[in-house]
C-alpha atoms as a PDB file:
ATOM      1  CA  MET A   1       8.522   3.049  82.898  1.00  0.00           C
ATOM      2  CA  HIS A   2       5.402   3.301  80.795  1.00  0.00           C
ATOM      3  CA  VAL A   3       4.650   6.688  79.065  1.00  0.00           C
ATOM      4  CA  GLY A   4       1.105   7.270  77.877  1.00  0.00           C
ATOM      5  CA  ALA A   5      -0.511  10.167  75.694  1.00  0.00           C
ATOM      6  CA  ALA A   6      -1.464  11.774  78.844  1.00  0.00           C
ATOM      7  CA  ASP A   7       2.046  12.200  79.920  1.00  0.00           C
ATOM      8  CA  VAL A   8       3.398  13.931  76.870  1.00  0.00           C
ATOM      9  CA  ALA A   9       2.475  17.452  77.761  1.00  0.00           C
ATOM     10  CA  THR A  10       4.028  16.975  81.264  1.00  0.00           C
ATOM     11  CA  ILE A  11       7.320  15.592  80.063  1.00  0.00           C
ATOM     12  CA  LEU A  12       7.564  17.981  77.078  1.00  0.00           C
ATOM     13  CA  GLY A  13       5.857  21.157  78.372  1.00  0.00           C
ATOM     14  CA  ALA A  14       3.519  23.445  76.603  1.00  0.00           C
ATOM     15  CA  ARG A  15       3.273  23.456  72.870  1.00  0.00           C
ATOM     16  CA  LYS A  16       5.787  25.745  71.338  1.00  0.00           C
ATOM     17  CA  PHE A  17       3.805  26.501  68.251  1.00  0.00           C
ATOM     18  CA  GLU A  18      -0.014  27.028  67.847  1.00  0.00           C
ATOM     19  CA  SER A  19      -1.782  25.051  65.281  1.00  0.00           C
ATOM     20  CA  GLU A  20      -2.458  27.161  62.021  1.00  0.00           C
ATOM     21  CA  VAL A  21      -6.108  26.259  62.254  1.00  0.00           C
ATOM     22  CA  ALA A  22      -6.384  28.494  65.338  1.00  0.00           C
ATOM     23  CA  MET A  23      -5.550  31.441  62.957  1.00  0.00           C
ATOM     24  CA  SER A  24      -8.623  30.793  60.742  1.00  0.00           C
ATOM     25  CA  THR A  25     -10.699  33.906  61.113  1.00  0.00           C
ATOM     26  CA  GLY A  26     -13.545  33.090  58.854  1.00  0.00           C
ATOM     27  CA  ILE A  27     -13.124  36.359  56.793  1.00  0.00           C
ATOM     28  CA  PRO A  28     -13.267  36.627  52.897  1.00  0.00           C
ATOM     29  CA  GLY A  29      -9.982  36.143  51.246  1.00  0.00           C
ATOM     30  CA  VAL A  30      -8.552  33.142  53.550  1.00  0.00           C
ATOM     31  CA  ALA A  31      -8.421  29.473  52.488  1.00  0.00           C
ATOM     32  CA  THR A  32      -6.713  26.538  54.144  1.00  0.00           C
ATOM     33  CA  GLY A  33      -4.312  24.506  51.871  1.00  0.00           C
ATOM     34  CA  LEU A  34      -2.414  21.238  52.269  1.00  0.00           C
ATOM     35  CA  ALA A  35       1.168  21.057  51.775  1.00  0.00           C
ATOM     36  CA  TRP A  36       3.911  18.295  51.572  1.00  0.00           C
ATOM     37  CA  THR A  37       7.246  18.747  53.371  1.00  0.00           C
ATOM     38  CA  PRO A  38      10.276  16.497  53.680  1.00  0.00           C
ATOM     39  CA  VAL A  39       9.105  15.712  57.195  1.00  0.00           C
ATOM     40  CA  GLY A  40       5.487  15.106  56.535  1.00  0.00           C
ATOM     41  CA  GLY A  41       2.279  16.855  55.612  1.00  0.00           C
ATOM     42  CA  ASP A  42       1.300  20.236  56.785  1.00  0.00           C
ATOM     43  CA  ILE A  43      -1.505  22.766  56.606  1.00  0.00           C
ATOM     44  CA  LEU A  44      -0.923  26.337  55.288  1.00  0.00           C
ATOM     45  CA  PHE A  45      -3.193  29.480  54.925  1.00  0.00           C
ATOM     46  CA  VAL A  46      -3.508  31.318  51.776  1.00  0.00           C
ATOM     47  CA  GLU A  47      -4.458  34.935  52.315  1.00  0.00           C
ATOM     48  CA  ALA A  48      -5.649  37.468  49.713  1.00  0.00           C
ATOM     49  CA  ALA A  49      -6.067  41.028  50.056  1.00  0.00           C
ATOM     50  CA  ARG A  50      -7.086  43.952  47.757  1.00  0.00           C
ATOM     51  CA  THR A  51      -5.704  47.439  47.629  1.00  0.00           C
ATOM     52  CA  PRO A  52      -6.306  50.391  45.278  1.00  0.00           C
ATOM     53  CA  GLY A  53      -4.103  50.011  42.103  1.00  0.00           C
ATOM     54  CA  ASN A  54      -3.830  48.987  38.522  1.00  0.00           C
ATOM     55  CA  GLY A  55      -4.266  45.200  38.409  1.00  0.00           C
ATOM     56  CA  LYS A  56      -0.873  44.142  39.935  1.00  0.00           C
ATOM     57  CA  LEU A  57      -0.366  40.767  41.505  1.00  0.00           C
ATOM     58  CA  ILE A  58       1.850  40.927  44.815  1.00  0.00           C
ATOM     59  CA  LEU A  59       3.213  37.626  46.095  1.00  0.00           C
ATOM     60  CA  THR A  60       4.715  37.250  49.636  1.00  0.00           C
ATOM     61  CA  GLY A  61       5.698  34.425  51.842  1.00  0.00           C
ATOM     62  CA  GLN A  62       8.949  33.080  50.461  1.00  0.00           C
ATOM     63  CA  LEU A  63       7.127  31.442  47.488  1.00  0.00           C
ATOM     64  CA  GLY A  64       9.035  29.456  44.812  1.00  0.00           C
ATOM     65  CA  ASP A  65       8.838  29.992  41.055  1.00  0.00           C
ATOM     66  CA  VAL A  66       6.305  27.287  40.578  1.00  0.00           C
ATOM     67  CA  MET A  67       3.930  28.407  43.440  1.00  0.00           C
ATOM     68  CA  LYS A  68       4.127  31.930  42.127  1.00  0.00           C
ATOM     69  CA  GLU A  69       2.987  30.581  38.723  1.00  0.00           C
ATOM     70  CA  SER A  70       0.228  28.812  40.543  1.00  0.00           C
ATOM     71  CA  ALA A  71      -0.856  32.279  41.929  1.00  0.00           C
ATOM     72  CA  GLN A  72      -0.734  33.976  38.609  1.00  0.00           C
ATOM     73  CA  ALA A  73      -2.816  31.030  36.999  1.00  0.00           C
ATOM     74  CA  ALA A  74      -5.309  31.434  39.665  1.00  0.00           C
ATOM     75  CA  LEU A  75      -5.805  35.101  39.245  1.00  0.00           C
ATOM     76  CA  SER A  76      -5.955  34.589  35.527  1.00  0.00           C
ATOM     77  CA  LEU A  77      -8.738  32.044  35.911  1.00  0.00           C
ATOM     78  CA  VAL A  78     -10.664  34.350  38.257  1.00  0.00           C
ATOM     79  CA  LYS A  79     -10.448  37.311  35.772  1.00  0.00           C
ATOM     80  CA  SER A  80     -11.596  34.974  32.775  1.00  0.00           C
ATOM     81  CA  ARG A  81     -14.688  33.959  34.919  1.00  0.00           C
ATOM     82  CA  ALA A  82     -15.380  37.397  36.371  1.00  0.00           C
ATOM     83  CA  ASP A  83     -18.709  37.746  34.846  1.00  0.00           C
ATOM     84  CA  SER A  84     -19.999  34.308  36.011  1.00  0.00           C
ATOM     85  CA  LEU A  85     -18.529  34.949  39.473  1.00  0.00           C
ATOM     86  CA  GLY A  86     -20.366  38.362  39.717  1.00  0.00           C
ATOM     87  CA  ILE A  87     -17.079  40.300  39.892  1.00  0.00           C
ATOM     88  CA  ALA A  88     -17.066  43.663  38.294  1.00  0.00           C
ATOM     89  CA  ALA A  89     -14.250  44.013  35.730  1.00  0.00           C
ATOM     90  CA  GLU A  90     -13.669  47.661  37.064  1.00  0.00           C
ATOM     91  CA  LEU A  91     -12.779  46.093  40.525  1.00  0.00           C
ATOM     92  CA  LEU A  92     -10.001  43.947  39.012  1.00  0.00           C
ATOM     93  CA  ASP A  93      -8.803  46.817  36.855  1.00  0.00           C
ATOM     94  CA  LYS A  94      -8.544  49.376  39.676  1.00  0.00           C
ATOM     95  CA  SER A  95      -7.106  46.920  42.251  1.00  0.00           C
ATOM     96  CA  ASP A  96      -3.746  45.218  43.299  1.00  0.00           C
ATOM     97  CA  ILE A  97      -4.136  41.900  44.521  1.00  0.00           C
ATOM     98  CA  HIS A  98      -1.838  40.702  47.324  1.00  0.00           C
ATOM     99  CA  VAL A  99      -1.610  37.036  47.935  1.00  0.00           C
ATOM    100  CA  HIS A 100       0.368  35.980  51.215  1.00  0.00           C
ATOM    101  CA  VAL A 101       1.247  32.604  52.625  1.00  0.00           C
ATOM    102  CA  PRO A 102       2.254  32.848  56.200  1.00  0.00           C
ATOM    103  CA  ALA A 103       5.130  31.216  57.924  1.00  0.00           C
ATOM    104  CA  GLY A 104       7.289  33.427  55.746  1.00  0.00           C
ATOM    105  CA  ALA A 105      10.567  32.026  57.067  1.00  0.00           C
ATOM    106  CA  THR A 106       9.797  28.642  55.448  1.00  0.00           C
ATOM    107  CA  PRO A 107      10.408  28.281  51.657  1.00  0.00           C
ATOM    108  CA  LYS A 108       7.168  27.051  49.696  1.00  0.00           C
ATOM    109  CA  ASP A 109       7.034  25.650  46.248  1.00  0.00           C
ATOM    110  CA  GLY A 110       5.036  23.285  44.053  1.00  0.00           C
ATOM    111  CA  PRO A 111       1.677  23.614  42.129  1.00  0.00           C
ATOM    112  CA  SER A 112      -0.435  21.878  44.649  1.00  0.00           C
ATOM    113  CA  ALA A 113      -1.860  25.145  46.331  1.00  0.00           C
ATOM    114  CA  GLY A 114      -3.616  26.184  43.017  1.00  0.00           C
ATOM    115  CA  VAL A 115      -7.028  25.327  44.328  1.00  0.00           C
ATOM    116  CA  ALA A 116      -6.404  27.131  47.616  1.00  0.00           C
ATOM    117  CA  MET A 117      -5.239  30.224  45.869  1.00  0.00           C
ATOM    118  CA  TYR A 118      -8.203  30.224  43.516  1.00  0.00           C
ATOM    119  CA  MET A 119     -10.622  29.901  46.443  1.00  0.00           C
ATOM    120  CA  ALA A 120      -8.840  32.705  48.525  1.00  0.00           C
ATOM    121  CA  LEU A 121      -9.166  35.038  45.464  1.00  0.00           C
ATOM    122  CA  THR A 122     -12.809  34.145  44.716  1.00  0.00           C
ATOM    123  CA  SER A 123     -13.673  34.521  48.367  1.00  0.00           C
ATOM    124  CA  LEU A 124     -11.988  37.883  48.595  1.00  0.00           C
ATOM    125  CA  LEU A 125     -13.706  39.227  45.465  1.00  0.00           C
ATOM    126  CA  THR A 126     -17.074  37.978  45.969  1.00  0.00           C
ATOM    127  CA  GLY A 127     -17.135  38.517  49.834  1.00  0.00           C
ATOM    128  CA  LYS A 128     -18.048  34.879  50.667  1.00  0.00           C
ATOM    129  CA  THR A 129     -16.134  33.104  53.122  1.00  0.00           C
ATOM    130  CA  VAL A 130     -14.311  29.609  52.818  1.00  0.00           C
ATOM    131  CA  ARG A 131     -15.490  27.081  55.187  1.00  0.00           C
ATOM    132  CA  SER A 132     -13.177  26.952  58.047  1.00  0.00           C
ATOM    133  CA  ASP A 133     -13.502  23.238  58.562  1.00  0.00           C
ATOM    134  CA  THR A 134     -12.171  22.582  54.987  1.00  0.00           C
ATOM    135  CA  ALA A 135      -8.602  22.171  53.670  1.00  0.00           C
ATOM    136  CA  MET A 136      -7.836  21.591  49.947  1.00  0.00           C
ATOM    137  CA  THR A 137      -4.937  20.691  47.648  1.00  0.00           C
ATOM    138  CA  GLY A 138      -4.729  20.473  43.847  1.00  0.00           C
ATOM    139  CA  GLU A 139      -3.215  22.005  40.866  1.00  0.00           C
ATOM    140  CA  ILE A 140      -5.424  24.015  38.488  1.00  0.00           C
ATOM    141  CA  SER A 141      -5.324  24.683  34.702  1.00  0.00           C
ATOM    142  CA  LEU A 142      -6.390  27.727  33.028  1.00  0.00           C
ATOM    143  CA  ARG A 143      -9.560  25.796  31.837  1.00  0.00           C
ATOM    144  CA  GLY A 144     -10.497  25.371  35.476  1.00  0.00           C
ATOM    145  CA  LEU A 145      -9.566  21.628  35.771  1.00  0.00           C
ATOM    146  CA  VAL A 146      -8.207  20.267  39.049  1.00  0.00           C
ATOM    147  CA  LEU A 147      -5.065  18.267  38.396  1.00  0.00           C
ATOM    148  CA  PRO A 148      -3.526  15.573  40.754  1.00  0.00           C
ATOM    149  CA  VAL A 149      -0.761  16.219  43.064  1.00  0.00           C
ATOM    150  CA  GLY A 150       1.553  14.158  45.196  1.00  0.00           C
ATOM    151  CA  GLY A 151       1.798  13.687  48.992  1.00  0.00           C
ATOM    152  CA  ILE A 152      -1.788  12.902  49.340  1.00  0.00           C
ATOM    153  CA  LYS A 153      -1.283  10.513  52.459  1.00  0.00           C
ATOM    154  CA  GLU A 154       0.874  12.821  54.307  1.00  0.00           C
ATOM    155  CA  LYS A 155      -1.450  15.934  53.628  1.00  0.00           C
ATOM    156  CA  VAL A 156      -4.534  14.133  54.659  1.00  0.00           C
ATOM    157  CA  VAL A 157      -2.921  12.788  57.892  1.00  0.00           C
ATOM    158  CA  ALA A 158      -1.772  16.444  58.588  1.00  0.00           C
ATOM    159  CA  ALA A 159      -5.382  17.774  58.040  1.00  0.00           C
ATOM    160  CA  ALA A 160      -6.801  15.063  60.402  1.00  0.00           C
ATOM    161  CA  GLY A 161      -4.236  15.893  63.080  1.00  0.00           C
ATOM    162  CA  ALA A 162      -4.984  19.637  62.774  1.00  0.00           C
ATOM    163  CA  GLY A 163      -8.691  19.203  63.432  1.00  0.00           C
ATOM    164  CA  ILE A 164      -9.907  19.661  59.982  1.00  0.00           C
ATOM    165  CA  THR A 165     -13.047  17.652  59.139  1.00  0.00           C
ATOM    166  CA  ARG A 166     -13.324  17.942  55.460  1.00  0.00           C
ATOM    167  CA  VAL A 167     -10.764  17.804  52.691  1.00  0.00           C
ATOM    168  CA  MET A 168     -10.999  18.631  48.971  1.00  0.00           C
ATOM    169  CA  LEU A 169      -8.702  16.587  46.839  1.00  0.00           C
ATOM    170  CA  PRO A 170      -8.235  16.178  43.064  1.00  0.00           C
ATOM    171  CA  ALA A 171     -10.618  13.444  41.688  1.00  0.00           C
ATOM    172  CA  ARG A 172      -7.653  11.928  39.818  1.00  0.00           C
ATOM    173  CA  ASN A 173      -5.954  11.185  43.177  1.00  0.00           C
ATOM    174  CA  ARG A 174      -8.694   8.749  44.312  1.00  0.00           C
ATOM    175  CA  ARG A 175      -6.166   5.974  43.693  1.00  0.00           C
ATOM    176  CA  ASP A 176      -4.333   7.313  46.699  1.00  0.00           C
ATOM    177  CA  TYR A 177      -7.321   6.855  49.103  1.00  0.00           C
ATOM    178  CA  ASP A 178      -6.374   3.250  50.183  1.00  0.00           C
ATOM    179  CA  ASP A 179      -2.889   4.515  51.216  1.00  0.00           C
ATOM    180  CA  ILE A 180      -4.456   6.944  53.827  1.00  0.00           C
ATOM    181  CA  PRO A 181      -4.372   5.396  57.271  1.00  0.00           C
ATOM    182  CA  ALA A 182      -7.840   4.390  58.381  1.00  0.00           C
ATOM    183  CA  ASN A 183      -7.576   6.571  61.716  1.00  0.00           C
ATOM    184  CA  ALA A 184      -7.161   9.535  59.496  1.00  0.00           C
ATOM    185  CA  ARG A 185      -9.862   8.447  56.822  1.00  0.00           C
ATOM    186  CA  ASP A 186     -12.325   7.928  59.577  1.00  0.00           C
ATOM    187  CA  LYS A 187     -11.975  11.575  60.983  1.00  0.00           C
ATOM    188  CA  LEU A 188     -12.736  13.202  57.427  1.00  0.00           C
ATOM    189  CA  GLU A 189     -15.351  13.681  54.801  1.00  0.00           C
ATOM    190  CA  PHE A 190     -13.686  13.575  51.360  1.00  0.00           C
ATOM    191  CA  ILE A 191     -14.718  15.688  48.467  1.00  0.00           C
ATOM    192  CA  TRP A 192     -13.191  14.905  45.089  1.00  0.00           C
ATOM    193  CA  LEU A 193     -12.722  17.806  42.656  1.00  0.00           C
ATOM    194  CA  GLU A 194     -12.901  17.602  38.888  1.00  0.00           C
ATOM    195  CA  LYS A 195     -13.013  21.399  38.273  1.00  0.00           C
ATOM    196  CA  VAL A 196     -12.910  24.508  40.272  1.00  0.00           C
ATOM    197  CA  GLU A 197     -16.680  24.928  40.212  1.00  0.00           C
ATOM    198  CA  ASP A 198     -16.753  21.740  42.392  1.00  0.00           C
ATOM    199  CA  ALA A 199     -14.489  23.504  44.927  1.00  0.00           C
ATOM    200  CA  MET A 200     -16.610  26.642  44.968  1.00  0.00           C
ATOM    201  CA  ARG A 201     -19.814  24.638  45.445  1.00  0.00           C
ATOM    202  CA  GLU A 202     -18.485  22.521  48.283  1.00  0.00           C
ATOM    203  CA  GLY A 203     -15.916  24.984  49.870  1.00  0.00           C
ATOM    204  CA  LEU A 204     -17.638  28.335  50.288  1.00  0.00           C
ATOM    205  CA  ASP A 205     -20.039  29.231  53.140  1.00  0.00           C
ATOM    206  CA  PRO A 206     -23.564  29.569  51.900  1.00  0.00           C
END
């Protein structure tokens, strides 16, 4: 018996889980990241919200220590560039920032969500939305550099499978491009990032 792609839904039934892309709402404070897991790549949302407070950073979503440090670094970078971003210092001083990564039952760790966290925070505090067709990965430094990360092939394949059409990757990961299957490469526009300003220019809606 031959089983084709059209037969899969009939045999397996309806999808048990909705793609996270469907959760994208196009509101400020949400960015789509790319993650590596032991069973392949995945996409994840980074959500940021602001409440009245005194500058505290709240992190939820079962984040590991390295991922928590990435969020702290992203917020420090935003604060250090508040003037150039047009963010009032009083806004940061009188607000608590909550960063949440949904799918809280799944442990998450590693530095590669740094770019997505920076973009979510910048989006939240400037009121500009992140492009919903774009996913990203990359570690960030306190100087605003985008540093290379692992799992590029798996992450890009996951992005293509989820309906993403643009991916922002560290420029120093260009060497991984040839490892990406052609059927995934052909579906995507690649943006290579040297620094966080590149991500803002390419990733925020006009």
